[in-house]
C-alpha atoms as a PDB file:
ATOM      1  CA  UNK A   1      -5.066  -9.869 -14.444  1.00  0.00           C
ATOM      2  CA  UNK A   2      -6.000 -10.823 -10.906  1.00  0.00           C
ATOM      3  CA  UNK A   3      -8.208 -13.771 -10.204  1.00  0.00           C
ATOM      4  CA  UNK A   4     -11.450 -13.481  -8.235  1.00  0.00           C
ATOM      5  CA  UNK A   5     -13.156 -15.858  -5.853  1.00  0.00           C
ATOM      6  CA  UNK A   6     -16.467 -15.672  -7.723  1.00  0.00           C
ATOM      7  CA  UNK A   7     -17.641 -14.453 -11.086  1.00  0.00           C
ATOM      8  CA  UNK A   8     -16.791 -10.761 -11.591  1.00  0.00           C
ATOM      9  CA  UNK A   9     -19.570  -8.203 -11.833  1.00  0.00           C
ATOM     10  CA  UNK A  10     -20.838  -7.254 -15.244  1.00  0.00           C
ATOM     11  CA  UNK A  11     -19.864  -3.626 -14.828  1.00  0.00           C
ATOM     12  CA  UNK A  12     -21.531  -0.270 -14.554  1.00  0.00           C
ATOM     13  CA  UNK A  13     -24.945   0.538 -15.978  1.00  0.00           C
ATOM     14  CA  UNK A  14     -24.958   3.609 -18.217  1.00  0.00           C
ATOM     15  CA  UNK A  15     -27.727   4.666 -20.579  1.00  0.00           C
ATOM     16  CA  UNK A  16     -29.449   1.292 -20.249  1.00  0.00           C
ATOM     17  CA  UNK A  17     -26.295  -0.761 -20.974  1.00  0.00           C
ATOM     18  CA  UNK A  18     -23.844  -2.611 -18.757  1.00  0.00           C
ATOM     19  CA  UNK A  19     -20.198  -1.678 -19.192  1.00  0.00           C
ATOM     20  CA  UNK A  20     -17.046  -3.321 -17.893  1.00  0.00           C
ATOM     21  CA  UNK A  21     -15.266  -0.015 -17.295  1.00  0.00           C
ATOM     22  CA  UNK A  22     -15.894   1.887 -14.102  1.00  0.00           C
ATOM     23  CA  UNK A  23     -15.365   5.408 -12.920  1.00  0.00           C
ATOM     24  CA  UNK A  24     -12.705   5.343 -10.196  1.00  0.00           C
ATOM     25  CA  UNK A  25     -11.575   8.195  -7.975  1.00  0.00           C
ATOM     26  CA  UNK A  26      -8.065   7.774  -6.541  1.00  0.00           C
ATOM     27  CA  UNK A  27      -7.405  10.009  -3.552  1.00  0.00           C
ATOM     28  CA  UNK A  28      -3.725  10.208  -2.657  1.00  0.00           C
ATOM     29  CA  UNK A  29      -1.312  10.211  -5.586  1.00  0.00           C
ATOM     30  CA  UNK A  30       2.052   9.563  -4.019  1.00  0.00           C
ATOM     31  CA  UNK A  31       4.286   6.715  -5.176  1.00  0.00           C
ATOM     32  CA  UNK A  32       1.595   4.052  -4.814  1.00  0.00           C
ATOM     33  CA  UNK A  33      -1.459   6.064  -5.762  1.00  0.00           C
ATOM     34  CA  UNK A  34       0.099   7.354  -8.971  1.00  0.00           C
ATOM     35  CA  UNK A  35       1.012   3.836 -10.035  1.00  0.00           C
ATOM     36  CA  UNK A  36      -2.509   2.655  -9.327  1.00  0.00           C
ATOM     37  CA  UNK A  37      -3.960   5.489 -11.408  1.00  0.00           C
ATOM     38  CA  UNK A  38      -1.861   4.506 -14.406  1.00  0.00           C
ATOM     39  CA  UNK A  39      -2.736   0.824 -14.014  1.00  0.00           C
ATOM     40  CA  UNK A  40      -6.439   1.670 -13.939  1.00  0.00           C
ATOM     41  CA  UNK A  41      -6.111   3.849 -17.019  1.00  0.00           C
ATOM     42  CA  UNK A  42      -4.352   1.059 -18.928  1.00  0.00           C
ATOM     43  CA  UNK A  43      -7.351  -1.178 -18.293  1.00  0.00           C
ATOM     44  CA  UNK A  44      -9.713   1.380 -19.803  1.00  0.00           C
ATOM     45  CA  UNK A  45     -11.244   2.762 -16.628  1.00  0.00           C
ATOM     46  CA  UNK A  46     -12.209   6.406 -16.229  1.00  0.00           C
ATOM     47  CA  UNK A  47     -10.023   7.806 -13.460  1.00  0.00           C
ATOM     48  CA  UNK A  48     -10.268  10.986 -11.411  1.00  0.00           C
ATOM     49  CA  UNK A  49      -7.240  11.806  -9.258  1.00  0.00           C
ATOM     50  CA  UNK A  50      -6.932  14.051  -6.229  1.00  0.00           C
ATOM     51  CA  UNK A  51      -4.095  14.870  -3.879  1.00  0.00           C
ATOM     52  CA  UNK A  52      -3.958  17.263  -0.962  1.00  0.00           C
ATOM     53  CA  UNK A  53      -0.810  18.737  -2.522  1.00  0.00           C
ATOM     54  CA  UNK A  54      -2.266  19.407  -5.962  1.00  0.00           C
ATOM     55  CA  UNK A  55       1.071  19.450  -7.814  1.00  0.00           C
ATOM     56  CA  UNK A  56       1.516  15.740  -7.095  1.00  0.00           C
ATOM     57  CA  UNK A  57      -1.667  14.888  -8.984  1.00  0.00           C
ATOM     58  CA  UNK A  58      -1.301  17.245 -11.938  1.00  0.00           C
ATOM     59  CA  UNK A  59       1.228  15.110 -13.923  1.00  0.00           C
ATOM     60  CA  UNK A  60      -1.391  12.341 -14.122  1.00  0.00           C
ATOM     61  CA  UNK A  61      -3.448  14.456 -16.502  1.00  0.00           C
ATOM     62  CA  UNK A  62      -0.890  13.663 -19.208  1.00  0.00           C
ATOM     63  CA  UNK A  63      -1.631   9.961 -18.643  1.00  0.00           C
ATOM     64  CA  UNK A  64      -5.345  10.486 -19.183  1.00  0.00           C
ATOM     65  CA  UNK A  65      -6.662  11.062 -15.681  1.00  0.00           C
ATOM     66  CA  UNK A  66      -8.955  13.910 -14.740  1.00  0.00           C
ATOM     67  CA  UNK A  67      -7.422  15.904 -11.882  1.00  0.00           C
ATOM     68  CA  UNK A  68      -9.981  17.070  -9.331  1.00  0.00           C
ATOM     69  CA  UNK A  69      -9.655  20.135  -7.174  1.00  0.00           C
ATOM     70  CA  UNK A  70     -11.451  18.658  -4.166  1.00  0.00           C
ATOM     71  CA  UNK A  71     -12.461  15.367  -2.559  1.00  0.00           C
ATOM     72  CA  UNK A  72     -16.116  16.131  -3.303  1.00  0.00           C
ATOM     73  CA  UNK A  73     -15.396  16.722  -6.978  1.00  0.00           C
ATOM     74  CA  UNK A  74     -13.401  13.486  -7.213  1.00  0.00           C
ATOM     75  CA  UNK A  75     -15.973  11.340  -5.405  1.00  0.00           C
ATOM     76  CA  UNK A  76     -18.982  12.711  -7.261  1.00  0.00           C
ATOM     77  CA  UNK A  77     -20.471  10.016  -9.554  1.00  0.00           C
ATOM     78  CA  UNK A  78     -17.606   7.581  -8.854  1.00  0.00           C
ATOM     79  CA  UNK A  79     -18.346   3.858  -8.793  1.00  0.00           C
ATOM     80  CA  UNK A  80     -15.336   3.188  -6.562  1.00  0.00           C
ATOM     81  CA  UNK A  81     -13.337   5.652  -4.494  1.00  0.00           C
ATOM     82  CA  UNK A  82      -9.824   4.465  -3.669  1.00  0.00           C
ATOM     83  CA  UNK A  83      -7.942   6.124  -0.816  1.00  0.00           C
ATOM     84  CA  UNK A  84      -4.180   5.625  -0.651  1.00  0.00           C
ATOM     85  CA  UNK A  85      -3.188   7.959   2.163  1.00  0.00           C
ATOM     86  CA  UNK A  86      -0.316   8.005   4.647  1.00  0.00           C
ATOM     87  CA  UNK A  87      -2.056   7.133   7.894  1.00  0.00           C
ATOM     88  CA  UNK A  88      -5.343   6.563   9.680  1.00  0.00           C
ATOM     89  CA  UNK A  89      -5.868  10.227  10.591  1.00  0.00           C
ATOM     90  CA  UNK A  90      -5.627  11.348   6.971  1.00  0.00           C
ATOM     91  CA  UNK A  91      -7.761   8.414   5.809  1.00  0.00           C
ATOM     92  CA  UNK A  92     -10.541   9.062   8.320  1.00  0.00           C
ATOM     93  CA  UNK A  93     -10.548  12.794   7.603  1.00  0.00           C
ATOM     94  CA  UNK A  94     -10.808  12.302   3.848  1.00  0.00           C
ATOM     95  CA  UNK A  95     -13.128   9.313   4.284  1.00  0.00           C
ATOM     96  CA  UNK A  96     -15.757  11.385   6.056  1.00  0.00           C
ATOM     97  CA  UNK A  97     -15.942  13.654   3.026  1.00  0.00           C
ATOM     98  CA  UNK A  98     -15.929  10.686   0.658  1.00  0.00           C
ATOM     99  CA  UNK A  99     -18.902   9.042   2.365  1.00  0.00           C
ATOM    100  CA  UNK A 100     -20.804  12.321   2.307  1.00  0.00           C
ATOM    101  CA  UNK A 101     -20.538  12.368  -1.500  1.00  0.00           C
ATOM    102  CA  UNK A 102     -20.720   8.654  -2.411  1.00  0.00           C
ATOM    103  CA  UNK A 103     -23.546   7.512  -4.643  1.00  0.00           C
ATOM    104  CA  UNK A 104     -25.816   4.980  -2.990  1.00  0.00           C
ATOM    105  CA  UNK A 105     -24.293   2.075  -4.926  1.00  0.00           C
ATOM    106  CA  UNK A 106     -20.661   3.246  -4.780  1.00  0.00           C
ATOM    107  CA  UNK A 107     -17.898   1.682  -2.669  1.00  0.00           C
ATOM    108  CA  UNK A 108     -14.997   3.189  -0.731  1.00  0.00           C
ATOM    109  CA  UNK A 109     -11.850   1.055  -1.096  1.00  0.00           C
ATOM    110  CA  UNK A 110      -9.365   1.881   1.674  1.00  0.00           C
ATOM    111  CA  UNK A 111      -5.885   0.831   0.472  1.00  0.00           C
ATOM    112  CA  UNK A 112      -3.489   2.504   2.911  1.00  0.00           C
ATOM    113  CA  UNK A 113      -1.764   0.956   5.915  1.00  0.00           C
ATOM    114  CA  UNK A 114      -3.848   2.213   8.823  1.00  0.00           C
ATOM    115  CA  UNK A 115      -3.388  -0.517  11.434  1.00  0.00           C
ATOM    116  CA  UNK A 116      -5.951  -2.378  13.494  1.00  0.00           C
ATOM    117  CA  UNK A 117      -7.272   0.569  15.497  1.00  0.00           C
ATOM    118  CA  UNK A 118      -7.237   2.752  12.406  1.00  0.00           C
ATOM    119  CA  UNK A 119      -9.250   0.181  10.442  1.00  0.00           C
ATOM    120  CA  UNK A 120     -11.884   0.216  13.199  1.00  0.00           C
ATOM    121  CA  UNK A 121     -12.127   3.996  12.821  1.00  0.00           C
ATOM    122  CA  UNK A 122     -12.410   3.624   9.046  1.00  0.00           C
ATOM    123  CA  UNK A 123     -15.206   1.062   9.457  1.00  0.00           C
ATOM    124  CA  UNK A 124     -17.107   3.436  11.717  1.00  0.00           C
ATOM    125  CA  UNK A 125     -16.810   6.317   9.260  1.00  0.00           C
ATOM    126  CA  UNK A 126     -17.495   4.048   6.285  1.00  0.00           C
ATOM    127  CA  UNK A 127     -20.987   3.218   7.503  1.00  0.00           C
ATOM    128  CA  UNK A 128     -21.147  -0.167   5.779  1.00  0.00           C
ATOM    129  CA  UNK A 129     -19.847   1.123   2.442  1.00  0.00           C
ATOM    130  CA  UNK A 130     -16.110   0.587   2.871  1.00  0.00           C
ATOM    131  CA  UNK A 131     -13.729  -2.272   2.158  1.00  0.00           C
ATOM    132  CA  UNK A 132     -10.380  -2.727   3.865  1.00  0.00           C
ATOM    133  CA  UNK A 133      -7.851  -3.311   1.072  1.00  0.00           C
ATOM    134  CA  UNK A 134      -4.221  -2.562   1.976  1.00  0.00           C
ATOM    135  CA  UNK A 135      -1.751  -3.692  -0.659  1.00  0.00           C
ATOM    136  CA  UNK A 136       1.581  -5.491  -0.769  1.00  0.00           C
ATOM    137  CA  UNK A 137       4.129  -4.058  -3.169  1.00  0.00           C
ATOM    138  CA  UNK A 138       6.051  -0.883  -3.855  1.00  0.00           C
ATOM    139  CA  UNK A 139       6.590   1.464  -6.799  1.00  0.00           C
ATOM    140  CA  UNK A 140       7.228  -1.107  -9.546  1.00  0.00           C
ATOM    141  CA  UNK A 141       4.283  -3.435  -8.778  1.00  0.00           C
ATOM    142  CA  UNK A 142       1.993  -0.407  -8.419  1.00  0.00           C
ATOM    143  CA  UNK A 143       3.045   0.854 -11.853  1.00  0.00           C
ATOM    144  CA  UNK A 144       2.646  -2.615 -13.391  1.00  0.00           C
ATOM    145  CA  UNK A 145      -0.724  -3.447 -11.836  1.00  0.00           C
ATOM    146  CA  UNK A 146       0.936  -6.296  -9.957  1.00  0.00           C
ATOM    147  CA  UNK A 147       0.141  -5.470  -6.340  1.00  0.00           C
ATOM    148  CA  UNK A 148      -1.194  -8.127  -3.988  1.00  0.00           C
ATOM    149  CA  UNK A 149      -4.422  -6.825  -2.488  1.00  0.00           C
ATOM    150  CA  UNK A 150      -5.330  -7.898   1.040  1.00  0.00           C
ATOM    151  CA  UNK A 151      -9.093  -7.627   1.230  1.00  0.00           C
ATOM    152  CA  UNK A 152     -11.724  -7.780   3.941  1.00  0.00           C
ATOM    153  CA  UNK A 153     -15.282  -6.598   4.247  1.00  0.00           C
ATOM    154  CA  UNK A 154     -18.764  -7.610   3.071  1.00  0.00           C
ATOM    155  CA  UNK A 155     -18.784 -10.008   0.132  1.00  0.00           C
ATOM    156  CA  UNK A 156     -21.414  -7.951  -1.701  1.00  0.00           C
ATOM    157  CA  UNK A 157     -19.030  -4.985  -1.759  1.00  0.00           C
ATOM    158  CA  UNK A 158     -16.112  -7.191  -2.806  1.00  0.00           C
ATOM    159  CA  UNK A 159     -18.097  -8.200  -5.884  1.00  0.00           C
ATOM    160  CA  UNK A 160     -18.573  -4.581  -6.927  1.00  0.00           C
ATOM    161  CA  UNK A 161     -14.885  -3.652  -6.858  1.00  0.00           C
ATOM    162  CA  UNK A 162     -13.583  -6.698  -8.754  1.00  0.00           C
ATOM    163  CA  UNK A 163     -12.709  -4.736 -11.942  1.00  0.00           C
ATOM    164  CA  UNK A 164     -10.647  -2.279  -9.894  1.00  0.00           C
ATOM    165  CA  UNK A 165      -8.773  -5.024  -8.057  1.00  0.00           C
ATOM    166  CA  UNK A 166      -8.063  -6.780 -11.337  1.00  0.00           C
ATOM    167  CA  UNK A 167      -6.546  -3.571 -12.722  1.00  0.00           C
ATOM    168  CA  UNK A 168      -4.267  -2.772  -9.796  1.00  0.00           C
ATOM    169  CA  UNK A 169      -3.321  -6.244  -8.608  1.00  0.00           C
ATOM    170  CA  UNK A 170      -1.948  -9.601  -9.669  1.00  0.00           C
ATOM    171  CA  UNK A 171      -4.127 -11.334  -7.093  1.00  0.00           C
ATOM    172  CA  UNK A 172      -6.270 -10.751  -4.019  1.00  0.00           C
ATOM    173  CA  UNK A 173      -6.126 -12.476  -0.641  1.00  0.00           C
ATOM    174  CA  UNK A 174      -9.451 -12.354   1.187  1.00  0.00           C
ATOM    175  CA  UNK A 175      -8.834 -12.083   4.928  1.00  0.00           C
ATOM    176  CA  UNK A 176     -12.468 -12.155   6.026  1.00  0.00           C
ATOM    177  CA  UNK A 177     -15.843 -10.453   5.972  1.00  0.00           C
ATOM    178  CA  UNK A 178     -15.002  -7.892   8.660  1.00  0.00           C
ATOM    179  CA  UNK A 179     -13.343  -4.577   7.881  1.00  0.00           C
ATOM    180  CA  UNK A 180      -9.997  -4.653   9.692  1.00  0.00           C
ATOM    181  CA  UNK A 181      -8.918  -8.243   9.076  1.00  0.00           C
ATOM    182  CA  UNK A 182      -6.939  -7.198   5.994  1.00  0.00           C
ATOM    183  CA  UNK A 183      -5.224  -4.406   7.924  1.00  0.00           C
ATOM    184  CA  UNK A 184      -4.183  -6.891  10.604  1.00  0.00           C
ATOM    185  CA  UNK A 185      -2.738  -9.173   7.927  1.00  0.00           C
ATOM    186  CA  UNK A 186      -0.930  -6.195   6.385  1.00  0.00           C
ATOM    187  CA  UNK A 187       0.872  -5.527   9.668  1.00  0.00           C
ATOM    188  CA  UNK A 188       2.082  -9.131   9.786  1.00  0.00           C
ATOM    189  CA  UNK A 189       3.324  -8.884   6.198  1.00  0.00           C
ATOM    190  CA  UNK A 190       5.081  -5.561   6.722  1.00  0.00           C
ATOM    191  CA  UNK A 191       6.741  -6.881   9.865  1.00  0.00           C
ATOM    192  CA  UNK A 192       8.375  -9.516   7.679  1.00  0.00           C
ATOM    193  CA  UNK A 193       9.397  -6.928   5.067  1.00  0.00           C
ATOM    194  CA  UNK A 194      10.978  -4.693   7.716  1.00  0.00           C
ATOM    195  CA  UNK A 195      12.771  -7.629   9.333  1.00  0.00           C
ATOM    196  CA  UNK A 196      14.092  -8.913   6.001  1.00  0.00           C
ATOM    197  CA  UNK A 197      15.356  -5.480   4.972  1.00  0.00           C
ATOM    198  CA  UNK A 198      17.040  -4.761   8.296  1.00  0.00           C
ATOM    199  CA  UNK A 199      18.477  -8.280   8.363  1.00  0.00           C
ATOM    200  CA  UNK A 200      19.935  -7.824   4.886  1.00  0.00           C
ATOM    201  CA  UNK A 201      21.537  -4.562   6.001  1.00  0.00           C
ATOM    202  CA  UNK A 202      22.986  -6.255   9.077  1.00  0.00           C
ATOM    203  CA  UNK A 203      24.470  -9.162   7.096  1.00  0.00           C
ATOM    204  CA  UNK A 204      26.082  -6.857   4.523  1.00  0.00           C
ATOM    205  CA  UNK A 205      27.554  -4.723   7.301  1.00  0.00           C
ATOM    206  CA  UNK A 206      28.740  -7.737   9.293  1.00  0.00           C
ATOM    207  CA  UNK A 207      30.492  -9.200   6.252  1.00  0.00           C
ATOM    208  CA  UNK A 208      32.336  -5.932   5.730  1.00  0.00           C
ATOM    209  CA  UNK A 209      33.249  -5.645   9.391  1.00  0.00           C
ATOM    210  CA  UNK A 210      34.764  -9.138   9.268  1.00  0.00           C
ATOM    211  CA  UNK A 211      36.856  -8.295   6.226  1.00  0.00           C
ATOM    212  CA  UNK A 212      34.721  -9.991   3.572  1.00  0.00           C
ATOM    213  CA  UNK A 213      33.349  -8.320   0.450  1.00  0.00           C
ATOM    214  CA  UNK A 214      29.660  -7.632   1.365  1.00  0.00           C
ATOM    215  CA  UNK A 215      28.569  -8.475  -2.179  1.00  0.00           C
ATOM    216  CA  UNK A 216      29.583 -12.077  -1.498  1.00  0.00           C
ATOM    217  CA  UNK A 217      26.727 -12.375   1.008  1.00  0.00           C
ATOM    218  CA  UNK A 218      24.187 -11.833  -1.765  1.00  0.00           C
ATOM    219  CA  UNK A 219      26.089 -14.194  -4.039  1.00  0.00           C
ATOM    220  CA  UNK A 220      26.159 -16.872  -1.339  1.00  0.00           C
ATOM    221  CA  UNK A 221      22.395 -16.879  -0.710  1.00  0.00           C
ATOM    222  CA  UNK A 222      21.388 -16.463  -4.369  1.00  0.00           C
ATOM    223  CA  UNK A 223      19.253 -19.407  -5.504  1.00  0.00           C
ATOM    224  CA  UNK A 224      19.695 -21.357  -2.292  1.00  0.00           C
ATOM    225  CA  UNK A 225      17.115 -22.483   0.258  1.00  0.00           C
ATOM    226  CA  UNK A 226      17.425 -19.223   2.248  1.00  0.00           C
ATOM    227  CA  UNK A 227      17.282 -16.957  -0.802  1.00  0.00           C
ATOM    228  CA  UNK A 228      14.672 -14.197  -0.909  1.00  0.00           C
ATOM    229  CA  UNK A 229      14.390 -12.058  -4.072  1.00  0.00           C
ATOM    230  CA  UNK A 230      13.553  -9.033  -1.911  1.00  0.00           C
ATOM    231  CA  UNK A 231      16.900  -9.370  -0.123  1.00  0.00           C
ATOM    232  CA  UNK A 232      18.667  -9.215  -3.472  1.00  0.00           C
ATOM    233  CA  UNK A 233      16.693  -6.124  -4.546  1.00  0.00           C
ATOM    234  CA  UNK A 234      17.247  -4.229  -1.306  1.00  0.00           C
ATOM    235  CA  UNK A 235      20.773  -5.571  -0.865  1.00  0.00           C
ATOM    236  CA  UNK A 236      21.691  -4.371  -4.347  1.00  0.00           C
ATOM    237  CA  UNK A 237      20.369  -0.921  -3.523  1.00  0.00           C
ATOM    238  CA  UNK A 238      22.389  -0.931  -0.290  1.00  0.00           C
ATOM    239  CA  UNK A 239      25.608  -1.853  -2.084  1.00  0.00           C
ATOM    240  CA  UNK A 240      25.002   0.941  -4.610  1.00  0.00           C
ATOM    241  CA  UNK A 241      23.890   3.357  -1.860  1.00  0.00           C
ATOM    242  CA  UNK A 242      20.842   4.018  -4.007  1.00  0.00           C
ATOM    243  CA  UNK A 243      18.086   5.343  -1.771  1.00  0.00           C
ATOM    244  CA  UNK A 244      15.552   6.146  -4.530  1.00  0.00           C
ATOM    245  CA  UNK A 245      12.270   5.680  -2.656  1.00  0.00           C
ATOM    246  CA  UNK A 246       9.890   2.823  -3.300  1.00  0.00           C
ATOM    247  CA  UNK A 247       8.881   2.440   0.367  1.00  0.00           C
ATOM    248  CA  UNK A 248      10.059   5.401   2.402  1.00  0.00           C
ATOM    249  CA  UNK A 249      11.783   5.000   5.765  1.00  0.00           C
ATOM    250  CA  UNK A 250       9.206   7.226   7.476  1.00  0.00           C
ATOM    251  CA  UNK A 251       6.453   4.938   6.201  1.00  0.00           C
ATOM    252  CA  UNK A 252       8.214   1.947   7.732  1.00  0.00           C
ATOM    253  CA  UNK A 253       8.585   3.806  11.037  1.00  0.00           C
ATOM    254  CA  UNK A 254       4.865   4.572  11.003  1.00  0.00           C
ATOM    255  CA  UNK A 255       3.936   0.979  10.201  1.00  0.00           C
ATOM    256  CA  UNK A 256       6.210  -0.458  12.890  1.00  0.00           C
ATOM    257  CA  UNK A 257       4.583   1.858  15.398  1.00  0.00           C
ATOM    258  CA  UNK A 258       1.214   0.413  14.390  1.00  0.00           C
ATOM    259  CA  UNK A 259       2.591  -3.104  14.841  1.00  0.00           C
ATOM    260  CA  UNK A 260       3.899  -2.350  18.322  1.00  0.00           C
ATOM    261  CA  UNK A 261       0.555  -0.845  19.368  1.00  0.00           C
ATOM    262  CA  UNK A 262      -1.522  -3.659  17.891  1.00  0.00           C
ATOM    263  CA  UNK A 263       0.767  -6.353  19.293  1.00  0.00           C
ATOM    264  CA  UNK A 264       0.745  -4.849  22.763  1.00  0.00           C
ATOM    265  CA  UNK A 265      -3.055  -4.587  22.719  1.00  0.00           C
ATOM    266  CA  UNK A 266      -3.270  -8.266  21.775  1.00  0.00           C
ATOM    267  CA  UNK A 267      -0.801  -9.352  24.475  1.00  0.00           C
ATOM    268  CA  UNK A 268       1.797 -10.236  21.844  1.00  0.00           C
ATOM    269  CA  UNK A 269       5.524  -9.844  22.676  1.00  0.00           C
ATOM    270  CA  UNK A 270       6.840  -6.766  20.864  1.00  0.00           C
ATOM    271  CA  UNK A 271      10.550  -6.781  21.732  1.00  0.00           C
ATOM    272  CA  UNK A 272      11.727  -7.494  18.181  1.00  0.00           C
ATOM    273  CA  UNK A 273       9.283  -4.979  16.732  1.00  0.00           C
ATOM    274  CA  UNK A 274      10.686  -2.363  19.114  1.00  0.00           C
ATOM    275  CA  UNK A 275      14.227  -3.073  17.878  1.00  0.00           C
ATOM    276  CA  UNK A 276      13.151  -2.745  14.255  1.00  0.00           C
ATOM    277  CA  UNK A 277      11.298   0.470  15.028  1.00  0.00           C
ATOM    278  CA  UNK A 278      14.404   1.919  16.635  1.00  0.00           C
ATOM    279  CA  UNK A 279      16.623   0.975  13.680  1.00  0.00           C
ATOM    280  CA  UNK A 280      14.394   2.646  11.104  1.00  0.00           C
ATOM    281  CA  UNK A 281      13.785   5.610  13.423  1.00  0.00           C
ATOM    282  CA  UNK A 282      17.556   6.089  13.607  1.00  0.00           C
ATOM    283  CA  UNK A 283      17.754   6.124   9.820  1.00  0.00           C
ATOM    284  CA  UNK A 284      14.979   8.692   9.698  1.00  0.00           C
ATOM    285  CA  UNK A 285      16.663  10.818  12.348  1.00  0.00           C
ATOM    286  CA  UNK A 286      19.852  10.786  10.305  1.00  0.00           C
ATOM    287  CA  UNK A 287      18.038  12.453   7.423  1.00  0.00           C
ATOM    288  CA  UNK A 288      16.816   9.416   5.486  1.00  0.00           C
ATOM    289  CA  UNK A 289      13.117   9.689   6.294  1.00  0.00           C
ATOM    290  CA  UNK A 290      12.107  10.336   2.674  1.00  0.00           C
ATOM    291  CA  UNK A 291      14.596   7.774   1.313  1.00  0.00           C
ATOM    292  CA  UNK A 292      13.883   4.150   0.538  1.00  0.00           C
ATOM    293  CA  UNK A 293      13.781   1.717   3.433  1.00  0.00           C
ATOM    294  CA  UNK A 294      17.073   0.276   2.136  1.00  0.00           C
ATOM    295  CA  UNK A 295      18.654   3.301   3.808  1.00  0.00           C
ATOM    296  CA  UNK A 296      18.433   1.385   7.100  1.00  0.00           C
ATOM    297  CA  UNK A 297      21.842   0.135   5.968  1.00  0.00           C
ATOM    298  CA  UNK A 298      23.251   3.499   7.077  1.00  0.00           C
ATOM    299  CA  UNK A 299      22.493   2.655  10.696  1.00  0.00           C
ATOM    300  CA  UNK A 300      25.104  -0.119  10.681  1.00  0.00           C
ATOM    301  CA  UNK A 301      28.763   0.957  10.718  1.00  0.00           C
END
């Protein structure tokens, strides 16, 4: 269970009693959203799921979720509405409808990667009722309730969503009281993830080009001072040419675009981000857009 910076709330008041379970609506049931739904259900929360493409939400009924036919139906009577959507445009569009149907004491928890400018748009639509909460992790941590939640927004709202964060995450990192700080931190974290993955691909390819078994690269760094578990995970997938998606290439391309825009606006040098963006864009253009980001290995000869 995730820790919390202060005592967690007592729960939701129903029929004169306080309960520790909450009613959560999860909007967006792709790889991450589906895992979050199942983690919430394991912790005893009542979960309503919605997805724009309804077939992607329907399997969650077998896990115990209620599948809603509309955003309004999902948000109605929810304590917390979680959005896990692809980009800022989708998040703002759905968020407007969410806010229109939120109970007075309910909170909108925005968990997608929307970037700095996108987070500002979310804050405007959220009207003081939204928290910025992008997450670190892919399919497996989402399924296991082991995501790292990057959180920013008013402390009073952070208190209300503690049971949800404890269900979906191993821990939370509070980036500040302003909506948007967590999204800025998420860009910095994903820049590292993209760089590490592309760097792993480059080292495997370089070893092969120089006549060395690429697997020896992973063996050489294993357990040493430069070892990174993520390199071993993605490197193993590259060696096996297993592109089963946990973090899709097109998602990385989108995120790197957000990094370039945010960096440029802040006067930050973006040359390396541009190179990374081009590498993953090449992988996408070669037909790997829906594959795991490990498919960036295909860009190297």
